[in-house]
């Protein structure tokens, strides 16, 4: 059974890698390396903040990090360096949440402009 699972996973991984390679090669042939990378980067940067997991991850950490700090204080494990790290991490995830909200607003504005035209 272990051999079957290993072979199944290996074949699936190789098929996925082959599909990704085929898509990458066809995009590079069609647009060139520089334009293919530029287009993929632009699409990733535009679509990522609209993905539903971004606010879920951000809210999880925005809520959890102060609770972790409070738990450390209650247990007597207060560490100023750890507290600074948690505060910076909290600001990072709060920034991620704001990035999501801003991108969502821009996407709604684009959709409204398209409907008016």
N, C-alpha and C. Protein backbone atom coordinates (compact mmCIF):
# COMPACT_ATOMS: atom_id res chain seq x y z
N UNK A 1 0.83 -1.20 0.00
CA UNK A 1 0.00 0.00 0.00
C UNK A 1 0.87 1.25 0.00
N UNK A 2 1.97 1.26 0.76
CA UNK A 2 2.85 2.43 0.81
C UNK A 2 3.47 2.70 -0.56
N UNK A 3 3.80 1.63 -1.27
CA UNK A 3 4.39 1.78 -2.60
C UNK A 3 3.37 2.39 -3.55
N UNK A 4 2.14 1.94 -3.48
CA UNK A 4 1.08 2.47 -4.34
C UNK A 4 0.89 3.96 -4.10
N UNK A 5 0.84 4.37 -2.86
CA UNK A 5 0.65 5.78 -2.52
C UNK A 5 1.83 6.60 -3.01
N UNK A 6 3.05 6.09 -2.82
CA UNK A 6 4.24 6.82 -3.27
C UNK A 6 4.25 6.97 -4.79
N UNK A 7 3.91 5.90 -5.50
CA UNK A 7 3.88 5.97 -6.96
C UNK A 7 2.77 6.91 -7.42
N UNK A 8 1.61 6.83 -6.79
CA UNK A 8 0.48 7.69 -7.14
C UNK A 8 0.85 9.16 -6.94
N UNK A 9 1.47 9.48 -5.82
CA UNK A 9 1.87 10.87 -5.56
C UNK A 9 2.97 11.32 -6.52
N UNK A 10 3.91 10.44 -6.82
CA UNK A 10 4.99 10.79 -7.74
C UNK A 10 4.44 11.06 -9.14
N UNK A 11 3.54 10.23 -9.61
CA UNK A 11 2.95 10.44 -10.93
C UNK A 11 2.14 11.73 -10.95
N UNK A 12 1.37 11.97 -9.92
CA UNK A 12 0.59 13.22 -9.85
C UNK A 12 1.49 14.44 -9.83
N UNK A 13 2.57 14.37 -9.06
CA UNK A 13 3.51 15.48 -8.99
C UNK A 13 4.16 15.72 -10.36
N UNK A 14 4.58 14.65 -11.02
CA UNK A 14 5.21 14.78 -12.32
C UNK A 14 4.24 15.31 -13.38
N UNK A 15 3.00 14.85 -13.34
CA UNK A 15 2.00 15.38 -14.27
C UNK A 15 1.73 16.87 -14.02
N UNK A 16 1.63 17.25 -12.77
CA UNK A 16 1.43 18.67 -12.45
C UNK A 16 2.62 19.51 -12.87
N UNK A 17 3.82 19.01 -12.64
CA UNK A 17 5.02 19.72 -13.05
C UNK A 17 5.10 19.84 -14.57
N UNK A 18 4.73 18.76 -15.28
CA UNK A 18 4.73 18.79 -16.73
C UNK A 18 3.71 19.80 -17.26
N UNK A 19 2.53 19.85 -16.66
CA UNK A 19 1.51 20.81 -17.08
C UNK A 19 1.97 22.24 -16.85
N UNK A 20 2.56 22.48 -15.68
CA UNK A 20 3.07 23.82 -15.39
C UNK A 20 4.19 24.19 -16.37
N UNK A 21 5.08 23.26 -16.66
CA UNK A 21 6.15 23.51 -17.61
C UNK A 21 5.63 23.80 -19.00
N UNK A 22 4.62 23.04 -19.42
CA UNK A 22 4.02 23.27 -20.73
C UNK A 22 3.40 24.66 -20.81
N UNK A 23 2.69 25.07 -19.76
CA UNK A 23 2.09 26.41 -19.74
C UNK A 23 3.16 27.50 -19.75
N UNK A 24 4.22 27.29 -18.98
CA UNK A 24 5.29 28.29 -18.94
C UNK A 24 5.99 28.40 -20.29
N UNK A 25 6.31 27.28 -20.90
CA UNK A 25 6.98 27.30 -22.21
C UNK A 25 6.09 27.93 -23.27
N UNK A 26 4.81 27.61 -23.27
CA UNK A 26 3.93 28.20 -24.28
C UNK A 26 3.78 29.71 -24.07
N UNK A 27 3.75 30.17 -22.82
CA UNK A 27 3.67 31.61 -22.56
C UNK A 27 4.95 32.30 -22.98
N UNK A 28 6.09 31.67 -22.72
CA UNK A 28 7.37 32.27 -23.10
C UNK A 28 7.50 32.31 -24.62
N UNK A 29 7.08 31.26 -25.30
CA UNK A 29 7.14 31.26 -26.77
C UNK A 29 6.23 32.33 -27.35
N UNK A 30 5.08 32.52 -26.75
CA UNK A 30 4.11 33.47 -27.29
C UNK A 30 4.53 34.92 -27.02
N UNK A 31 5.03 35.21 -25.80
CA UNK A 31 5.28 36.59 -25.40
C UNK A 31 6.75 36.93 -25.19
N UNK A 32 7.60 35.94 -25.08
CA UNK A 32 8.99 36.20 -24.72
C UNK A 32 9.15 36.11 -23.21
N UNK A 33 10.39 35.91 -22.77
CA UNK A 33 10.64 35.69 -21.34
C UNK A 33 10.26 36.92 -20.52
N UNK A 34 10.74 38.08 -20.94
CA UNK A 34 10.52 39.31 -20.15
C UNK A 34 9.02 39.62 -20.03
N UNK A 35 8.30 39.59 -21.13
CA UNK A 35 6.86 39.91 -21.08
C UNK A 35 6.06 38.84 -20.36
N UNK A 36 6.47 37.57 -20.49
CA UNK A 36 5.76 36.50 -19.77
C UNK A 36 5.92 36.67 -18.26
N UNK A 37 7.13 36.97 -17.81
CA UNK A 37 7.37 37.17 -16.38
C UNK A 37 6.66 38.43 -15.90
N UNK A 38 6.71 39.49 -16.69
CA UNK A 38 6.05 40.74 -16.31
C UNK A 38 4.53 40.55 -16.21
N UNK A 39 3.95 39.84 -17.18
CA UNK A 39 2.50 39.61 -17.15
C UNK A 39 2.09 38.72 -15.99
N UNK A 40 2.89 37.69 -15.71
CA UNK A 40 2.57 36.81 -14.58
C UNK A 40 2.68 37.56 -13.26
N UNK A 41 3.69 38.40 -13.13
CA UNK A 41 3.86 39.17 -11.90
C UNK A 41 2.72 40.16 -11.72
N UNK A 42 2.34 40.82 -12.80
CA UNK A 42 1.24 41.80 -12.72
C UNK A 42 -0.07 41.11 -12.33
N UNK A 43 -0.34 39.97 -12.95
CA UNK A 43 -1.56 39.24 -12.63
C UNK A 43 -1.56 38.78 -11.18
N UNK A 44 -0.42 38.28 -10.71
CA UNK A 44 -0.31 37.81 -9.32
C UNK A 44 -0.53 38.96 -8.35
N UNK A 45 0.08 40.11 -8.63
CA UNK A 45 -0.06 41.26 -7.73
C UNK A 45 -1.47 41.82 -7.74
N UNK A 46 -2.16 41.74 -8.88
CA UNK A 46 -3.52 42.27 -8.93
C UNK A 46 -4.54 41.31 -8.33
N UNK A 47 -4.34 40.02 -8.51
CA UNK A 47 -5.33 39.04 -8.07
C UNK A 47 -5.14 38.57 -6.63
N UNK A 48 -3.91 38.55 -6.14
CA UNK A 48 -3.65 38.02 -4.80
C UNK A 48 -4.46 38.70 -3.71
N UNK A 49 -4.51 40.04 -3.65
CA UNK A 49 -5.26 40.64 -2.55
C UNK A 49 -6.76 40.39 -2.63
N UNK A 50 -7.27 39.97 -3.79
CA UNK A 50 -8.70 39.71 -3.92
C UNK A 50 -9.05 38.28 -3.54
N UNK A 51 -8.04 37.44 -3.31
CA UNK A 51 -8.27 36.04 -2.98
C UNK A 51 -8.88 35.94 -1.59
N UNK A 52 -9.83 35.05 -1.38
CA UNK A 52 -10.60 35.01 -0.14
C UNK A 52 -9.75 34.61 1.07
N UNK A 53 -8.63 33.93 0.86
CA UNK A 53 -7.83 33.49 2.02
C UNK A 53 -7.01 34.62 2.62
N UNK A 54 -6.80 35.70 1.89
CA UNK A 54 -5.99 36.80 2.41
C UNK A 54 -6.64 37.42 3.65
N UNK A 55 -7.91 37.81 3.62
CA UNK A 55 -8.49 38.38 4.85
C UNK A 55 -8.65 37.35 5.95
N UNK A 56 -8.87 36.09 5.60
CA UNK A 56 -8.99 35.06 6.63
C UNK A 56 -7.68 34.94 7.40
N UNK A 57 -6.57 34.87 6.68
CA UNK A 57 -5.26 34.78 7.35
C UNK A 57 -4.97 36.05 8.15
N UNK A 58 -5.29 37.19 7.56
CA UNK A 58 -5.01 38.45 8.25
C UNK A 58 -5.83 38.56 9.54
N UNK A 59 -7.14 38.28 9.47
CA UNK A 59 -7.97 38.37 10.68
C UNK A 59 -7.53 37.37 11.73
N UNK A 60 -7.12 36.18 11.29
CA UNK A 60 -6.66 35.17 12.25
C UNK A 60 -5.50 35.71 13.07
N UNK A 61 -4.54 36.32 12.41
CA UNK A 61 -3.37 36.82 13.14
C UNK A 61 -3.65 38.13 13.85
N UNK A 62 -4.50 38.98 13.28
CA UNK A 62 -4.82 40.25 13.96
C UNK A 62 -5.53 39.96 15.28
N UNK A 63 -6.33 38.92 15.32
CA UNK A 63 -7.01 38.55 16.57
C UNK A 63 -6.10 37.73 17.48
N UNK A 64 -5.33 36.81 16.89
CA UNK A 64 -4.56 35.86 17.70
C UNK A 64 -3.32 36.46 18.35
N UNK A 65 -2.64 37.37 17.68
CA UNK A 65 -1.37 37.87 18.22
C UNK A 65 -1.53 38.62 19.55
N UNK A 66 -2.53 39.48 19.72
CA UNK A 66 -2.71 40.07 21.06
C UNK A 66 -3.07 39.01 22.12
N UNK A 67 -3.81 37.97 21.71
CA UNK A 67 -4.12 36.90 22.66
C UNK A 67 -2.87 36.13 23.08
N UNK A 68 -1.97 35.91 22.13
CA UNK A 68 -0.70 35.24 22.45
C UNK A 68 0.11 36.09 23.41
N UNK A 69 0.16 37.40 23.19
CA UNK A 69 0.88 38.29 24.09
C UNK A 69 0.26 38.30 25.47
N UNK A 70 -1.06 38.33 25.54
CA UNK A 70 -1.74 38.30 26.84
C UNK A 70 -1.47 36.99 27.56
N UNK A 71 -1.47 35.89 26.84
CA UNK A 71 -1.18 34.59 27.44
C UNK A 71 0.24 34.54 28.01
N UNK A 72 1.18 35.14 27.30
CA UNK A 72 2.57 35.18 27.78
C UNK A 72 2.67 36.01 29.05
N UNK A 73 1.93 37.10 29.12
CA UNK A 73 1.96 37.95 30.32
C UNK A 73 1.36 37.20 31.51
N UNK A 74 0.24 36.51 31.29
CA UNK A 74 -0.42 35.76 32.36
C UNK A 74 0.49 34.65 32.88
N UNK A 75 1.20 33.97 31.99
CA UNK A 75 2.09 32.88 32.40
C UNK A 75 3.41 33.37 32.98
N UNK A 76 3.68 34.65 32.89
CA UNK A 76 4.93 35.19 33.40
C UNK A 76 6.09 35.00 32.44
N UNK A 77 5.82 34.74 31.20
CA UNK A 77 6.87 34.56 30.20
C UNK A 77 7.08 35.83 29.39
N UNK A 78 6.90 36.99 30.01
CA UNK A 78 7.01 38.25 29.29
C UNK A 78 8.42 38.44 28.78
N UNK A 79 8.55 38.71 27.49
CA UNK A 79 9.83 38.94 26.85
C UNK A 79 9.70 40.19 25.98
N UNK A 80 10.42 41.26 26.29
CA UNK A 80 10.28 42.50 25.52
C UNK A 80 10.61 42.32 24.02
N UNK A 81 11.62 41.53 23.71
CA UNK A 81 11.98 41.31 22.31
C UNK A 81 10.86 40.55 21.61
N UNK A 82 10.31 39.55 22.27
CA UNK A 82 9.17 38.82 21.71
C UNK A 82 7.96 39.70 21.54
N UNK A 83 7.74 40.61 22.48
CA UNK A 83 6.61 41.54 22.38
C UNK A 83 6.78 42.49 21.20
N UNK A 84 7.99 42.95 20.99
CA UNK A 84 8.26 43.83 19.84
C UNK A 84 8.03 43.05 18.54
N UNK A 85 8.51 41.82 18.50
CA UNK A 85 8.30 40.98 17.31
C UNK A 85 6.82 40.76 17.05
N UNK A 86 6.05 40.46 18.10
CA UNK A 86 4.61 40.27 17.93
C UNK A 86 3.92 41.55 17.47
N UNK A 87 4.36 42.69 17.99
CA UNK A 87 3.76 43.96 17.56
C UNK A 87 4.06 44.22 16.08
N UNK A 88 5.28 43.96 15.64
CA UNK A 88 5.61 44.15 14.23
C UNK A 88 4.85 43.17 13.35
N UNK A 89 4.72 41.94 13.81
CA UNK A 89 3.96 40.94 13.06
C UNK A 89 2.49 41.34 12.98
N UNK A 90 1.96 41.87 14.08
CA UNK A 90 0.57 42.32 14.08
C UNK A 90 0.38 43.46 13.08
N UNK A 91 1.32 44.40 13.04
CA UNK A 91 1.23 45.49 12.07
C UNK A 91 1.32 44.98 10.64
N UNK A 92 2.14 43.96 10.41
CA UNK A 92 2.26 43.37 9.09
C UNK A 92 0.93 42.77 8.64
N UNK A 93 0.29 42.00 9.50
CA UNK A 93 -0.98 41.39 9.12
C UNK A 93 -2.11 42.41 9.04
N UNK A 94 -2.05 43.45 9.84
CA UNK A 94 -3.03 44.52 9.72
C UNK A 94 -2.84 45.24 8.38
N UNK A 95 -1.59 45.43 7.97
CA UNK A 95 -1.31 45.99 6.65
C UNK A 95 -1.82 45.10 5.53
N UNK A 96 -1.69 43.78 5.70
CA UNK A 96 -2.22 42.84 4.72
C UNK A 96 -3.73 42.96 4.60
N UNK A 97 -4.38 43.13 5.73
CA UNK A 97 -5.83 43.30 5.72
C UNK A 97 -6.22 44.60 5.03
N UNK A 98 -5.50 45.69 5.29
CA UNK A 98 -5.77 46.96 4.62
C UNK A 98 -5.52 46.86 3.12
N UNK A 99 -4.48 46.11 2.73
CA UNK A 99 -4.17 45.90 1.31
C UNK A 99 -5.34 45.20 0.63
N UNK A 100 -5.91 44.21 1.31
CA UNK A 100 -7.06 43.49 0.77
C UNK A 100 -8.25 44.43 0.60
N UNK A 101 -8.54 45.23 1.62
CA UNK A 101 -9.66 46.15 1.54
C UNK A 101 -9.48 47.15 0.40
N UNK A 102 -8.26 47.68 0.24
CA UNK A 102 -8.01 48.66 -0.82
C UNK A 102 -8.17 48.03 -2.20
N UNK A 103 -7.65 46.82 -2.37
CA UNK A 103 -7.76 46.14 -3.67
C UNK A 103 -9.21 45.79 -3.97
N UNK A 104 -9.94 45.42 -2.95
CA UNK A 104 -11.35 45.10 -3.15
C UNK A 104 -12.13 46.35 -3.57
N UNK A 105 -11.81 47.47 -2.97
CA UNK A 105 -12.45 48.73 -3.35
C UNK A 105 -12.11 49.13 -4.77
N UNK A 106 -10.85 48.96 -5.16
CA UNK A 106 -10.45 49.29 -6.54
C UNK A 106 -11.16 48.38 -7.53
N UNK A 107 -11.30 47.10 -7.20
CA UNK A 107 -11.98 46.15 -8.09
C UNK A 107 -13.46 46.52 -8.23
N UNK A 108 -14.09 46.91 -7.14
CA UNK A 108 -15.50 47.33 -7.21
C UNK A 108 -15.66 48.58 -8.06
N UNK A 109 -14.71 49.51 -7.91
CA UNK A 109 -14.76 50.75 -8.69
C UNK A 109 -14.60 50.45 -10.17
N UNK A 110 -13.68 49.54 -10.54
CA UNK A 110 -13.51 49.15 -11.93
C UNK A 110 -14.78 48.51 -12.49
N UNK A 111 -15.41 47.66 -11.68
CA UNK A 111 -16.64 47.00 -12.13
C UNK A 111 -17.76 48.00 -12.33
N UNK A 112 -17.86 49.01 -11.46
CA UNK A 112 -18.89 50.04 -11.63
C UNK A 112 -18.66 50.85 -12.90
N UNK A 113 -17.39 51.17 -13.18
CA UNK A 113 -17.09 51.94 -14.38
C UNK A 113 -17.40 51.14 -15.64
N UNK A 114 -17.17 49.84 -15.60
CA UNK A 114 -17.49 48.99 -16.76
C UNK A 114 -18.99 48.89 -17.00
N UNK A 115 -19.78 48.89 -15.92
CA UNK A 115 -21.23 48.79 -16.07
C UNK A 115 -21.82 50.08 -16.62
N UNK A 116 -21.22 51.22 -16.29
CA UNK A 116 -21.73 52.49 -16.75
C UNK A 116 -21.49 52.65 -18.24
N UNK A 117 -20.34 52.18 -18.73
CA UNK A 117 -20.01 52.31 -20.14
C UNK A 117 -20.87 51.40 -20.91
